[in-house]
Amino acid sequence: MKNLFARIKHSIAADFHEALDKKEQKNPIALLNQYLRECEQEVEKVRMLVERQYRLNEEFTREYSHAHSMAEKRKHQAEVALGAGETELYDFALQEQAQYEERAIRLQESQQQAAHQLAELERRYEEMRHKLKDMYIKRMELMGRENVARAQHRISRVLEPGGHMGTPFTRFEEMEHYLDRIERQVNMSYNHHTIDARIAQLEKLAKKDEVSSVS
């Protein structure tokens, strides 16, 4: 049964990747835009979590300040009660002071931990924003190269019928590696069609030189 589930899982994964490849070949830029939108959504979710952590950090700070203030207040009240000979009141104030001091220590530790976590979240959030911005720039670069490759492809169809071009695209967690792969493919396509056009131009010039020399 376990092997059956494994085969089903692999079959579904293979079908998914095959469908994804077909979609990439059909409309690569649109698929890249879809993945970038998913990246934007993830960045927005993290932004909301950072804001929530910031509010929690402020709440810990307020609670610590209150507990510390109450501990100092009960300490003073205990001294007053002791000076007045109010033993029962003194014991109560002393007990309250101890509870508030213990709470203040716990809240201070929690606040420090929350502050450290907030700083780390903010750092990672900024990394995500920069990475997303880099992806936007990479998309612009690839769109420019794709435009040139498509133009060269159409030129090649006139100069040398039968030319072809393909440019696939893929997703967020693997986006950096994926974009590198796409860039290599676009560059190959660009270089291929540029070379074809250049060679065709050189052949024309060579034919002209032959005609001129014969004349």
C-alpha atoms as a PDB file:
ATOM      1  CA  MET A   1       0.000   0.000   0.000  1.00  0.00           C
ATOM      2  CA  LYS A   2       2.877   2.363   0.876  1.00  0.00           C
ATOM      3  CA  ASN A   3       4.558   1.666  -2.474  1.00  0.00           C
ATOM      4  CA  LEU A   4       1.268   2.296  -4.250  1.00  0.00           C
ATOM      5  CA  PHE A   5       0.901   5.711  -2.612  1.00  0.00           C
ATOM      6  CA  ALA A   6       4.516   6.501  -3.504  1.00  0.00           C
ATOM      7  CA  ARG A   7       3.885   5.615  -7.169  1.00  0.00           C
ATOM      8  CA  ILE A   8       0.722   7.708  -7.211  1.00  0.00           C
ATOM      9  CA  LYS A   9       2.604  10.622  -5.659  1.00  0.00           C
ATOM     10  CA  HIS A  10       5.412  10.387  -8.224  1.00  0.00           C
ATOM     11  CA  SER A  11       2.908  10.077 -11.068  1.00  0.00           C
ATOM     12  CA  ILE A  12       1.017  13.184  -9.932  1.00  0.00           C
ATOM     13  CA  ALA A  13       4.281  15.092  -9.523  1.00  0.00           C
ATOM     14  CA  ALA A  14       5.401  14.078 -13.018  1.00  0.00           C
ATOM     15  CA  ASP A  15       2.067  15.144 -14.522  1.00  0.00           C
ATOM     16  CA  PHE A  16       2.274  18.459 -12.656  1.00  0.00           C
ATOM     17  CA  HIS A  17       5.791  19.217 -13.897  1.00  0.00           C
ATOM     18  CA  GLU A  18       4.839  18.230 -17.452  1.00  0.00           C
ATOM     19  CA  ALA A  19       1.839  20.586 -17.344  1.00  0.00           C
ATOM     20  CA  LEU A  20       4.052  23.298 -15.852  1.00  0.00           C
ATOM     21  CA  ASP A  21       6.634  22.891 -18.614  1.00  0.00           C
ATOM     22  CA  LYS A  22       3.923  23.204 -21.268  1.00  0.00           C
ATOM     23  CA  LYS A  23       2.561  26.322 -19.590  1.00  0.00           C
ATOM     24  CA  GLU A  24       6.051  27.811 -19.371  1.00  0.00           C
ATOM     25  CA  GLN A  25       6.680  27.256 -23.064  1.00  0.00           C
ATOM     26  CA  LYS A  26       3.303  28.707 -23.985  1.00  0.00           C
ATOM     27  CA  ASN A  27       3.520  31.940 -21.969  1.00  0.00           C
ATOM     28  CA  PRO A  28       6.746  32.199 -19.919  1.00  0.00           C
ATOM     29  CA  ILE A  29       6.471  35.883 -18.982  1.00  0.00           C
ATOM     30  CA  ALA A  30       2.886  35.490 -17.751  1.00  0.00           C
ATOM     31  CA  LEU A  31       3.941  32.538 -15.589  1.00  0.00           C
ATOM     32  CA  LEU A  32       6.885  34.501 -14.194  1.00  0.00           C
ATOM     33  CA  ASN A  33       4.488  37.356 -13.356  1.00  0.00           C
ATOM     34  CA  GLN A  34       2.255  34.887 -11.532  1.00  0.00           C
ATOM     35  CA  TYR A  35       5.156  33.659  -9.402  1.00  0.00           C
ATOM     36  CA  LEU A  36       6.237  37.207  -8.640  1.00  0.00           C
ATOM     37  CA  ARG A  37       2.702  37.973  -7.461  1.00  0.00           C
ATOM     38  CA  GLU A  38       2.960  34.961  -5.135  1.00  0.00           C
ATOM     39  CA  CYS A  39       6.268  36.369  -3.859  1.00  0.00           C
ATOM     40  CA  GLU A  40       4.575  39.717  -3.211  1.00  0.00           C
ATOM     41  CA  GLN A  41       1.869  37.955  -1.209  1.00  0.00           C
ATOM     42  CA  GLU A  42       4.483  36.156   0.902  1.00  0.00           C
ATOM     43  CA  VAL A  43       6.326  39.425   1.546  1.00  0.00           C
ATOM     44  CA  GLU A  44       3.051  41.066   2.583  1.00  0.00           C
ATOM     45  CA  LYS A  45       2.293  38.214   4.994  1.00  0.00           C
ATOM     46  CA  VAL A  46       5.726  38.585   6.569  1.00  0.00           C
ATOM     47  CA  ARG A  47       5.212  42.365   6.856  1.00  0.00           C
ATOM     48  CA  MET A  48       2.016  41.754   8.831  1.00  0.00           C
ATOM     49  CA  LEU A  49       3.831  39.282  11.115  1.00  0.00           C
ATOM     50  CA  VAL A  50       6.624  41.811  11.703  1.00  0.00           C
ATOM     51  CA  GLU A  51       4.038  44.421  12.666  1.00  0.00           C
ATOM     52  CA  ARG A  52       2.378  41.938  15.026  1.00  0.00           C
ATOM     53  CA  GLN A  53       5.734  41.134  16.637  1.00  0.00           C
ATOM     54  CA  TYR A  54       6.371  44.861  17.047  1.00  0.00           C
ATOM     55  CA  ARG A  55       3.038  45.254  18.869  1.00  0.00           C
ATOM     56  CA  LEU A  56       3.842  42.274  21.098  1.00  0.00           C
ATOM     57  CA  ASN A  57       7.209  43.786  21.953  1.00  0.00           C
ATOM     58  CA  GLU A  58       5.521  47.051  22.930  1.00  0.00           C
ATOM     59  CA  GLU A  59       2.980  45.149  25.036  1.00  0.00           C
ATOM     60  CA  PHE A  60       5.752  43.297  26.888  1.00  0.00           C
ATOM     61  CA  THR A  61       7.454  46.638  27.536  1.00  0.00           C
ATOM     62  CA  ARG A  62       4.265  48.169  28.927  1.00  0.00           C
ATOM     63  CA  GLU A  63       3.547  45.142  31.129  1.00  0.00           C
ATOM     64  CA  TYR A  64       7.110  45.104  32.445  1.00  0.00           C
ATOM     65  CA  SER A  65       6.940  48.813  33.252  1.00  0.00           C
ATOM     66  CA  HIS A  66       3.650  48.304  35.104  1.00  0.00           C
ATOM     67  CA  ALA A  67       4.923  45.274  37.090  1.00  0.00           C
ATOM     68  CA  HIS A  68       8.143  47.080  38.018  1.00  0.00           C
ATOM     69  CA  SER A  69       6.185  50.166  39.101  1.00  0.00           C
ATOM     70  CA  MET A  70       3.796  48.091  41.208  1.00  0.00           C
ATOM     71  CA  ALA A  71       6.710  46.243  42.852  1.00  0.00           C
ATOM     72  CA  GLU A  72       8.237  49.588  43.863  1.00  0.00           C
ATOM     73  CA  LYS A  73       4.840  50.794  45.096  1.00  0.00           C
ATOM     74  CA  ARG A  74       4.262  47.688  47.238  1.00  0.00           C
ATOM     75  CA  LYS A  75       7.804  47.938  48.589  1.00  0.00           C
ATOM     76  CA  HIS A  76       7.122  51.489  49.772  1.00  0.00           C
ATOM     77  CA  GLN A  77       3.737  50.457  51.226  1.00  0.00           C
ATOM     78  CA  ALA A  78       5.372  47.574  53.097  1.00  0.00           C
ATOM     79  CA  GLU A  79       7.861  50.006  54.658  1.00  0.00           C
ATOM     80  CA  VAL A  80       5.015  52.312  55.676  1.00  0.00           C
ATOM     81  CA  ALA A  81       3.006  49.409  57.152  1.00  0.00           C
ATOM     82  CA  LEU A  82       6.061  48.130  59.029  1.00  0.00           C
ATOM     83  CA  GLY A  83       6.717  51.573  60.467  1.00  0.00           C
ATOM     84  CA  ALA A  84       3.076  51.799  61.599  1.00  0.00           C
ATOM     85  CA  GLY A  85       3.225  48.367  63.202  1.00  0.00           C
ATOM     86  CA  GLU A  86       0.615  46.962  60.806  1.00  0.00           C
ATOM     87  CA  THR A  87       2.028  43.448  60.596  1.00  0.00           C
ATOM     88  CA  GLU A  88      -0.781  41.925  58.552  1.00  0.00           C
ATOM     89  CA  LEU A  89      -0.733  44.786  56.067  1.00  0.00           C
ATOM     90  CA  TYR A  90       3.053  44.605  55.937  1.00  0.00           C
ATOM     91  CA  ASP A  91       2.965  40.852  55.138  1.00  0.00           C
ATOM     92  CA  PHE A  92       0.375  41.420  52.403  1.00  0.00           C
ATOM     93  CA  ALA A  93       2.372  44.269  50.787  1.00  0.00           C
ATOM     94  CA  LEU A  94       5.572  42.204  51.007  1.00  0.00           C
ATOM     95  CA  GLN A  95       3.886  39.247  49.303  1.00  0.00           C
ATOM     96  CA  GLU A  96       2.521  41.507  46.569  1.00  0.00           C
ATOM     97  CA  GLN A  97       5.952  43.058  46.086  1.00  0.00           C
ATOM     98  CA  ALA A  98       7.523  39.619  45.599  1.00  0.00           C
ATOM     99  CA  GLN A  99       4.864  38.622  43.050  1.00  0.00           C
ATOM    100  CA  TYR A 100       5.291  41.829  41.054  1.00  0.00           C
ATOM    101  CA  GLU A 101       9.079  41.527  41.120  1.00  0.00           C
ATOM    102  CA  GLU A 102       8.904  37.942  39.878  1.00  0.00           C
ATOM    103  CA  ARG A 103       6.489  38.987  37.132  1.00  0.00           C
ATOM    104  CA  ALA A 104       8.721  41.931  36.191  1.00  0.00           C
ATOM    105  CA  ILE A 105      11.734  39.628  35.809  1.00  0.00           C
ATOM    106  CA  ARG A 106       9.755  37.238  33.606  1.00  0.00           C
ATOM    107  CA  LEU A 107       8.338  40.087  31.506  1.00  0.00           C
ATOM    108  CA  GLN A 108      11.772  41.653  31.095  1.00  0.00           C
ATOM    109  CA  GLU A 109      13.156  38.360  29.778  1.00  0.00           C
ATOM    110  CA  SER A 110      10.174  37.976  27.443  1.00  0.00           C
ATOM    111  CA  GLN A 111      10.549  41.552  26.209  1.00  0.00           C
ATOM    112  CA  GLN A 112      14.246  41.066  25.493  1.00  0.00           C
ATOM    113  CA  GLN A 113      13.523  37.851  23.608  1.00  0.00           C
ATOM    114  CA  ALA A 114      10.696  39.526  21.656  1.00  0.00           C
ATOM    115  CA  ALA A 115      12.996  42.451  20.807  1.00  0.00           C
ATOM    116  CA  HIS A 116      15.686  40.061  19.556  1.00  0.00           C
ATOM    117  CA  GLN A 117      13.139  38.131  17.478  1.00  0.00           C
ATOM    118  CA  LEU A 118      11.756  41.387  16.091  1.00  0.00           C
ATOM    119  CA  ALA A 119      15.217  42.518  14.999  1.00  0.00           C
ATOM    120  CA  GLU A 120      15.790  39.158  13.264  1.00  0.00           C
ATOM    121  CA  LEU A 121      12.372  39.282  11.571  1.00  0.00           C
ATOM    122  CA  GLU A 122      12.994  42.824  10.360  1.00  0.00           C
ATOM    123  CA  ARG A 123      16.370  41.782   8.956  1.00  0.00           C
ATOM    124  CA  ARG A 124      14.895  38.787   7.112  1.00  0.00           C
ATOM    125  CA  TYR A 125      11.949  40.874   5.921  1.00  0.00           C
ATOM    126  CA  GLU A 126      14.330  43.416   4.400  1.00  0.00           C
ATOM    127  CA  GLU A 127      16.209  40.552   2.721  1.00  0.00           C
ATOM    128  CA  MET A 128      12.920  39.376   1.202  1.00  0.00           C
ATOM    129  CA  ARG A 129      12.132  42.881  -0.054  1.00  0.00           C
ATOM    130  CA  HIS A 130      15.569  43.223  -1.642  1.00  0.00           C
ATOM    131  CA  LYS A 131      15.288  39.758  -3.180  1.00  0.00           C
ATOM    132  CA  LEU A 132      11.878  40.615  -4.629  1.00  0.00           C
ATOM    133  CA  LYS A 133      13.271  43.870  -6.037  1.00  0.00           C
ATOM    134  CA  ASP A 134      16.156  41.949  -7.591  1.00  0.00           C
ATOM    135  CA  MET A 135      13.614  39.612  -9.178  1.00  0.00           C
ATOM    136  CA  TYR A 136      11.762  42.577 -10.679  1.00  0.00           C
ATOM    137  CA  ILE A 137      15.016  43.844 -12.176  1.00  0.00           C
ATOM    138  CA  LYS A 138      15.897  40.351 -13.413  1.00  0.00           C
ATOM    139  CA  ARG A 139      12.458  40.086 -15.020  1.00  0.00           C
ATOM    140  CA  MET A 140      13.028  43.381 -16.835  1.00  0.00           C
ATOM    141  CA  GLU A 141      16.417  42.192 -18.043  1.00  0.00           C
ATOM    142  CA  LEU A 142      15.012  38.875 -19.229  1.00  0.00           C
ATOM    143  CA  MET A 143      12.065  40.564 -20.937  1.00  0.00           C
ATOM    144  CA  GLY A 144      14.550  42.777 -22.779  1.00  0.00           C
ATOM    145  CA  ARG A 145      16.632  39.790 -23.854  1.00  0.00           C
ATOM    146  CA  GLU A 146      13.500  37.885 -24.794  1.00  0.00           C
ATOM    147  CA  ASN A 147      12.341  40.784 -26.963  1.00  0.00           C
ATOM    148  CA  VAL A 148      15.692  40.833 -28.759  1.00  0.00           C
ATOM    149  CA  ALA A 149      15.630  37.042 -29.182  1.00  0.00           C
ATOM    150  CA  ARG A 150      12.072  37.141 -30.562  1.00  0.00           C
ATOM    151  CA  ALA A 151      13.041  39.921 -32.965  1.00  0.00           C
ATOM    152  CA  GLN A 152      16.111  37.975 -34.080  1.00  0.00           C
ATOM    153  CA  HIS A 153      13.914  34.909 -34.506  1.00  0.00           C
ATOM    154  CA  ARG A 154      11.588  36.786 -36.859  1.00  0.00           C
ATOM    155  CA  ILE A 155      14.560  38.166 -38.761  1.00  0.00           C
ATOM    156  CA  SER A 156      15.956  34.641 -39.063  1.00  0.00           C
ATOM    157  CA  ARG A 157      12.650  33.400 -40.468  1.00  0.00           C
ATOM    158  CA  VAL A 158      13.134  35.847 -43.362  1.00  0.00           C
ATOM    159  CA  LEU A 159      16.866  35.325 -43.826  1.00  0.00           C
ATOM    160  CA  GLU A 160      16.867  31.581 -43.020  1.00  0.00           C
ATOM    161  CA  PRO A 161      13.441  29.877 -42.796  1.00  0.00           C
ATOM    162  CA  GLY A 162      13.119  27.123 -40.218  1.00  0.00           C
ATOM    163  CA  GLY A 163      14.617  28.991 -37.208  1.00  0.00           C
ATOM    164  CA  HIS A 164      13.050  28.421 -33.771  1.00  0.00           C
ATOM    165  CA  MET A 165      13.242  29.788 -30.232  1.00  0.00           C
ATOM    166  CA  GLY A 166      12.071  28.642 -26.804  1.00  0.00           C
ATOM    167  CA  THR A 167      12.160  30.468 -23.460  1.00  0.00           C
ATOM    168  CA  PRO A 168      10.798  28.684 -20.318  1.00  0.00           C
ATOM    169  CA  PHE A 169      10.260  30.219 -16.795  1.00  0.00           C
ATOM    170  CA  THR A 170       9.575  28.746 -13.061  1.00  0.00           C
ATOM    171  CA  ARG A 171       8.841  29.546  -9.099  1.00  0.00           C
ATOM    172  CA  PHE A 172       9.523  31.549  -5.838  1.00  0.00           C
ATOM    173  CA  GLU A 173      11.566  29.346  -3.475  1.00  0.00           C
ATOM    174  CA  GLU A 174      13.794  28.265  -6.421  1.00  0.00           C
ATOM    175  CA  MET A 175      13.460  31.570  -8.275  1.00  0.00           C
ATOM    176  CA  GLU A 176      17.101  32.581  -8.073  1.00  0.00           C
ATOM    177  CA  HIS A 177      18.395  29.291  -9.537  1.00  0.00           C
ATOM    178  CA  TYR A 178      15.561  29.236 -12.015  1.00  0.00           C
ATOM    179  CA  LEU A 179      16.230  32.742 -13.279  1.00  0.00           C
ATOM    180  CA  ASP A 180      19.874  31.845 -13.781  1.00  0.00           C
ATOM    181  CA  ARG A 181      18.829  28.883 -15.913  1.00  0.00           C
ATOM    182  CA  ILE A 182      16.453  31.043 -17.923  1.00  0.00           C
ATOM    183  CA  GLU A 183      19.100  33.706 -18.389  1.00  0.00           C
ATOM    184  CA  ARG A 184      21.468  31.102 -19.827  1.00  0.00           C
ATOM    185  CA  GLN A 185      18.777  29.860 -22.207  1.00  0.00           C
ATOM    186  CA  VAL A 186      17.834  33.355 -23.339  1.00  0.00           C
ATOM    187  CA  ASN A 187      21.498  34.225 -23.826  1.00  0.00           C
ATOM    188  CA  MET A 188      21.989  31.064 -25.878  1.00  0.00           C
ATOM    189  CA  SER A 189      18.974  31.941 -28.028  1.00  0.00           C
ATOM    190  CA  TYR A 190      20.174  35.542 -28.343  1.00  0.00           C
ATOM    191  CA  ASN A 191      23.705  34.487 -29.303  1.00  0.00           C
ATOM    192  CA  HIS A 192      22.395  31.850 -31.714  1.00  0.00           C
ATOM    193  CA  HIS A 193      20.222  34.259 -33.666  1.00  0.00           C
ATOM    194  CA  THR A 194      22.786  37.050 -33.480  1.00  0.00           C
ATOM    195  CA  ILE A 195      25.420  34.732 -34.939  1.00  0.00           C
ATOM    196  CA  ASP A 196      23.005  33.601 -37.689  1.00  0.00           C
ATOM    197  CA  ALA A 197      22.264  37.188 -38.636  1.00  0.00           C
ATOM    198  CA  ARG A 198      25.959  38.147 -38.538  1.00  0.00           C
ATOM    199  CA  ILE A 199      27.054  35.145 -40.630  1.00  0.00           C
ATOM    200  CA  ALA A 200      24.315  35.907 -43.184  1.00  0.00           C
ATOM    201  CA  GLN A 201      25.599  39.486 -43.379  1.00  0.00           C
ATOM    202  CA  LEU A 202      29.204  38.288 -43.824  1.00  0.00           C
ATOM    203  CA  GLU A 203      28.118  35.865 -46.575  1.00  0.00           C
ATOM    204  CA  LYS A 204      26.379  38.699 -48.416  1.00  0.00           C
ATOM    205  CA  LEU A 205      29.482  40.866 -48.147  1.00  0.00           C
ATOM    206  CA  ALA A 206      31.651  37.984 -49.384  1.00  0.00           C
ATOM    207  CA  LYS A 207      29.342  37.490 -52.400  1.00  0.00           C
ATOM    208  CA  LYS A 208      29.521  41.212 -53.150  1.00  0.00           C
ATOM    209  CA  ASP A 209      33.318  41.094 -53.042  1.00  0.00           C
ATOM    210  CA  GLU A 210      33.304  38.114 -55.445  1.00  0.00           C
ATOM    211  CA  VAL A 211      31.037  39.950 -57.890  1.00  0.00           C
ATOM    212  CA  SER A 212      33.184  43.085 -57.655  1.00  0.00           C
ATOM    213  CA  SER A 213      36.395  41.121 -58.269  1.00  0.00           C
ATOM    214  CA  VAL A 214      34.886  39.355 -61.317  1.00  0.00           C
ATOM    215  CA  SER A 215      33.701  42.684 -62.719  1.00  0.00           C
END
